Protein backbone atom coordinates (compact mmCIF):
# COMPACT_ATOMS: atom_id res chain seq x y z
CA MET A 1 130.38 230.30 103.12
CA SER A 2 132.68 229.36 100.26
CA SER A 3 135.66 229.10 102.60
CA ARG A 4 133.71 226.69 104.88
CA LYS A 5 132.93 224.46 101.88
CA LEU A 6 136.55 224.51 100.87
CA PHE A 7 137.54 223.52 104.40
CA GLN A 8 135.04 220.68 104.35
CA ILE A 9 136.22 219.55 100.94
CA GLY A 10 139.81 219.71 102.17
CA SER A 11 138.95 217.72 105.26
CA ILE A 12 137.20 215.09 103.16
CA GLY A 13 140.21 214.89 100.88
CA ARG A 14 142.60 214.43 103.79
CA THR A 15 140.33 211.72 105.24
CA HIS A 16 140.33 209.80 101.98
CA ARG A 17 144.11 210.13 101.69
CA THR A 18 144.53 208.93 105.29
CA ARG A 19 142.33 205.93 104.64
CA ALA A 20 144.20 205.22 101.43
CA ILE A 21 147.54 205.44 103.27
CA ARG A 22 146.24 203.17 106.03
CA ALA A 23 144.96 200.72 103.41
CA THR A 24 148.31 200.83 101.66
CA VAL A 25 150.21 200.31 104.92
CA ALA A 26 147.88 197.45 105.92
CA THR A 27 148.24 195.87 102.51
CA GLY A 28 151.99 196.27 102.65
CA SER A 29 152.11 194.81 106.13
CA LEU A 30 149.96 191.86 105.02
CA VAL A 31 152.22 191.26 102.03
CA ALA A 32 155.25 191.48 104.31
CA ILE A 33 153.70 188.99 106.72
CA ILE A 34 152.87 186.64 103.86
CA VAL A 35 156.30 186.95 102.27
CA ILE A 36 158.27 186.71 105.51
CA GLY A 37 155.94 184.48 107.54
CA LEU A 38 155.02 181.77 105.05
CA PRO A 39 158.46 180.14 105.08
CA TRP A 40 158.30 179.98 108.89
CA VAL A 41 154.82 178.52 108.69
CA ASP A 42 156.05 175.91 106.23
CA GLU A 43 158.98 175.14 108.52
CA TYR A 44 156.66 174.84 111.49
CA LEU A 45 154.38 172.47 109.62
CA ARG A 46 157.36 170.42 108.44
CA LEU A 47 158.74 170.14 111.96
CA ARG A 48 155.31 169.22 113.26
CA ARG A 49 154.99 166.45 110.67
CA GLU A 50 158.45 165.16 111.58
CA ALA A 51 157.56 165.25 115.27
CA MET A 52 154.39 163.26 114.59
CA GLU A 53 156.35 160.77 112.49
CA PHE A 54 158.92 160.47 115.28
CA ASP A 55 156.13 159.83 117.78
CA ASP A 56 154.76 157.12 115.49
CA LEU A 57 158.22 155.56 115.21
CA SER A 58 158.63 155.70 118.99
CA VAL A 59 155.31 153.93 119.46
CA GLN A 60 156.26 151.33 116.85
CA LEU A 61 159.66 150.82 118.52
CA THR A 62 158.04 150.38 121.92
CA GLU A 63 155.54 147.90 120.50
CA SER A 64 158.34 146.07 118.68
CA GLU A 65 160.41 145.81 121.87
CA PHE A 66 157.37 144.53 123.78
CA ARG A 67 156.67 141.92 121.11
CA GLN A 68 160.33 140.86 121.14
CA GLU A 69 160.21 140.42 124.92
CA GLN A 70 157.10 138.27 124.54
CA LEU A 71 158.78 136.18 121.84
CA ASP A 72 161.88 135.73 124.02
CA ARG A 73 159.73 134.51 126.93
CA ILE A 74 157.81 132.12 124.64
CA GLU A 75 161.07 130.83 123.14
CA GLU A 76 162.53 130.26 126.60
CA LYS A 77 159.39 128.40 127.70
CA ILE A 78 159.35 126.23 124.58
CA SER A 79 163.05 125.46 124.97
CA GLY A 80 162.53 124.41 128.59
CA GLU A 81 159.56 122.22 127.70
CA LEU A 82 161.53 120.66 124.83
CA GLN A 83 164.42 119.79 127.12
CA ARG A 84 162.07 118.28 129.72
CA SER A 85 160.32 116.25 127.02
CA ILE A 86 163.62 114.95 125.67
CA ALA A 87 164.68 114.00 129.20
CA GLN A 88 161.48 111.95 129.54
CA THR A 89 161.56 110.26 126.16
CA THR A 90 163.60 107.19 125.20
CA ASP A 91 164.75 106.58 121.63
CA PRO A 92 167.55 104.55 120.04
CA GLN A 93 169.97 107.44 120.53
CA ASN A 94 169.72 107.63 124.31
CA THR A 95 169.24 104.01 125.44
CA GLN A 96 172.84 104.00 126.63
CA ARG A 97 172.07 106.96 128.89
CA VAL A 98 169.09 105.08 130.33
CA ARG A 99 171.31 102.05 131.01
CA GLU A 100 173.87 104.19 132.82
CA GLN A 101 171.18 105.84 134.91
CA LEU A 102 169.70 102.50 136.02
CA ILE A 103 173.11 101.20 137.03
CA GLU A 104 173.71 104.42 138.93
CA PHE A 105 170.37 104.09 140.76
CA VAL A 106 171.24 100.59 141.99
CA ARG A 107 174.82 101.33 142.98
CA GLU A 108 174.02 104.57 144.80
CA ALA A 109 171.34 102.70 146.77
CA GLY A 110 173.96 100.15 147.85
CA GLY A 111 172.67 97.28 145.70
CA ARG A 112 174.14 95.12 142.95
CA VAL A 113 172.99 94.78 139.35
CA ARG A 114 172.50 91.15 138.38
CA ARG A 115 171.04 91.66 134.92
CA LEU A 116 170.12 94.59 132.74
CA GLU A 117 168.77 94.34 129.22
CA ILE A 118 167.32 97.07 127.03
CA GLU A 119 165.68 95.78 123.88
CA VAL A 120 164.44 97.85 120.99
CA GLY A 121 160.75 97.20 120.48
CA GLN A 122 158.49 98.29 117.70
CA THR A 123 158.53 101.58 115.89
CA ARG A 124 155.28 102.87 114.44
CA PRO A 125 153.69 106.12 113.26
CA TRP A 126 152.21 108.36 115.93
CA ALA A 127 148.72 109.69 115.27
CA ALA A 128 147.97 113.39 115.20
CA ALA A 129 145.31 112.89 117.91
CA GLY A 130 143.82 110.20 120.11
CA ASP A 131 146.82 107.85 120.11
CA ASP A 132 147.94 105.54 122.95
CA PRO A 133 151.57 104.35 123.19
CA ARG A 134 150.44 101.07 124.76
CA GLU A 135 148.63 100.09 121.57
CA ASP A 136 150.44 98.18 118.83
CA SER A 137 149.07 100.46 116.11
CA MET A 138 147.69 103.94 115.80
CA PRO A 139 143.91 104.54 115.53
CA ILE A 140 142.71 103.75 112.03
CA ASP A 141 140.48 106.83 111.93
CA GLN A 142 143.35 109.25 112.66
CA GLN A 143 145.96 110.80 110.44
CA GLU A 144 149.66 110.29 110.98
CA SER A 145 151.60 113.06 112.67
CA ARG A 146 155.19 114.10 112.00
CA PHE A 147 156.34 111.77 114.79
CA ILE A 148 157.07 108.09 115.19
CA LEU A 149 156.75 106.12 118.41
CA HIS A 150 159.68 104.13 119.82
CA THR A 151 159.20 101.45 122.46
CA HIS A 152 161.99 99.83 124.47
CA THR A 153 161.66 96.88 126.83
CA VAL A 154 163.86 97.13 129.93
CA GLU A 155 164.52 94.16 132.21
CA LEU A 156 166.39 94.83 135.43
CA GLN A 157 167.41 92.37 138.13
CA ALA A 158 169.15 93.68 141.21
CA GLU A 159 169.87 92.58 144.77
CA GLY A 160 170.41 94.41 148.02
CA SER A 161 168.72 95.38 151.21
CA LEU A 162 165.03 96.17 151.37
CA THR A 163 165.94 99.85 151.76
CA ALA A 164 168.14 99.68 148.65
CA VAL A 165 165.33 98.13 146.60
CA GLN A 166 162.90 100.81 147.78
CA GLN A 167 165.36 103.54 146.83
CA VAL A 168 165.82 102.07 143.35
CA LEU A 169 162.08 101.98 142.79
CA GLU A 170 161.74 105.56 143.99
CA ARG A 171 164.51 106.75 141.66
CA VAL A 172 162.89 105.02 138.69
CA ALA A 173 159.47 106.48 139.53
CA ASN A 174 160.86 109.99 140.01
CA GLN A 175 162.97 109.94 136.85
CA GLY A 176 159.94 110.99 134.81
CA TRP A 177 160.41 108.56 131.95
CA LEU A 178 157.42 107.91 129.70
CA MET A 179 156.86 104.29 130.66
CA THR A 180 154.59 101.52 131.83
CA THR A 181 155.48 98.79 134.33
CA GLU A 182 154.90 95.32 132.87
CA ASN A 183 156.17 93.30 135.80
CA LEU A 184 157.49 93.97 139.30
CA THR A 185 158.66 91.29 141.70
CA VAL A 186 160.35 91.64 145.07
CA MET A 187 161.42 88.41 146.78
CA PRO A 188 163.88 87.21 149.43
CA THR A 189 167.18 85.70 148.32
CA GLY A 190 168.25 83.95 151.51
CA LYS A 191 171.59 85.76 151.28
CA PRO A 192 172.63 87.77 154.33
CA GLN A 193 174.58 90.28 152.20
CA SER A 194 171.75 90.84 149.70
CA PRO A 195 168.52 89.65 151.34
CA VAL A 196 166.11 91.08 148.73
CA LYS A 197 165.91 90.54 144.98
CA LEU A 198 164.23 92.97 142.59
CA GLU A 199 162.95 92.00 139.16
CA ILE A 200 161.29 94.70 137.11
CA GLN A 201 160.22 94.94 133.49
CA LEU A 202 159.50 98.36 132.02
CA ILE A 203 158.33 99.59 128.65
CA LEU A 204 159.90 102.95 127.85
CA TYR A 205 158.42 105.19 125.16
CA GLY A 206 159.82 107.94 123.02
CA LEU A 207 158.73 110.15 120.16
CA GLY A 208 161.00 111.10 117.28
CA LEU A 209 160.47 113.15 114.16
CA SER A 210 159.68 110.98 111.17
CA GLU A 211 160.75 113.53 108.57
CA THR A 212 163.11 115.98 110.18
CA ASP A 213 164.05 119.21 108.51
CA PRO A 214 167.43 120.86 109.26
CA GLU A 215 165.96 123.30 111.78
CA ASP A 216 164.30 120.49 113.73
CA GLN A 217 167.50 118.47 113.70
CA PHE A 218 169.47 121.45 115.01
CA ALA A 219 166.90 122.10 117.76
CA LEU A 220 166.93 118.47 118.88
CA ARG A 221 170.73 118.25 118.83
CA ASP A 222 171.00 121.47 120.82
CA ALA A 223 168.48 120.29 123.40
CA ASN A 224 170.18 116.90 123.69
CA SER A 225 173.58 118.53 124.19
CA ASN A 226 172.18 120.58 127.05
CA LEU A 227 171.16 117.37 128.83
CA LEU A 228 174.63 115.82 128.67
């Protein structure tokens, strides 16, 4: 009886020691995992943060490149529209170009220029809205814009065949100048070499900057140089 109790007591003792050993091993293993694994966990978290930051930078770079492409397209469109507008407008700086073009129209059509005058008309402020270049003054209820309006009176007399006169009129109409036609007369001359006479009076319009900053001046000079 006493030996059985001793055996049981011994068994209980060994069980407690085994559990204690297991607890010690588990605790040691946990400590080892914490000591050895934490730096790797920290490294993993750091790399993950860097990866997320890199993804954010990649998204920002892609968005930036997309915005830059949009800006380039807008800049190209504005530049093209500016050049077309300058080609249509007439100001004191390009009246000589208009004169040369009119002479070219007549000569290429096979006609002869009899008279060509380009007079500088009035210059007035251009309204920010609701203005009409045919009026002598801007609307009194509107504010002035950054532009001024130039007007130039053109008087052309030429002779040639009826076909030549028609071609001249077509070239003038297709040139795209900002203009109004004040007078147009086509009459016979009685000359076999030049049977038809053309008399035309045009008013050409142009807008220029009233107070030009250096950037505007550079843009206008660059656009004008591209037209030459």
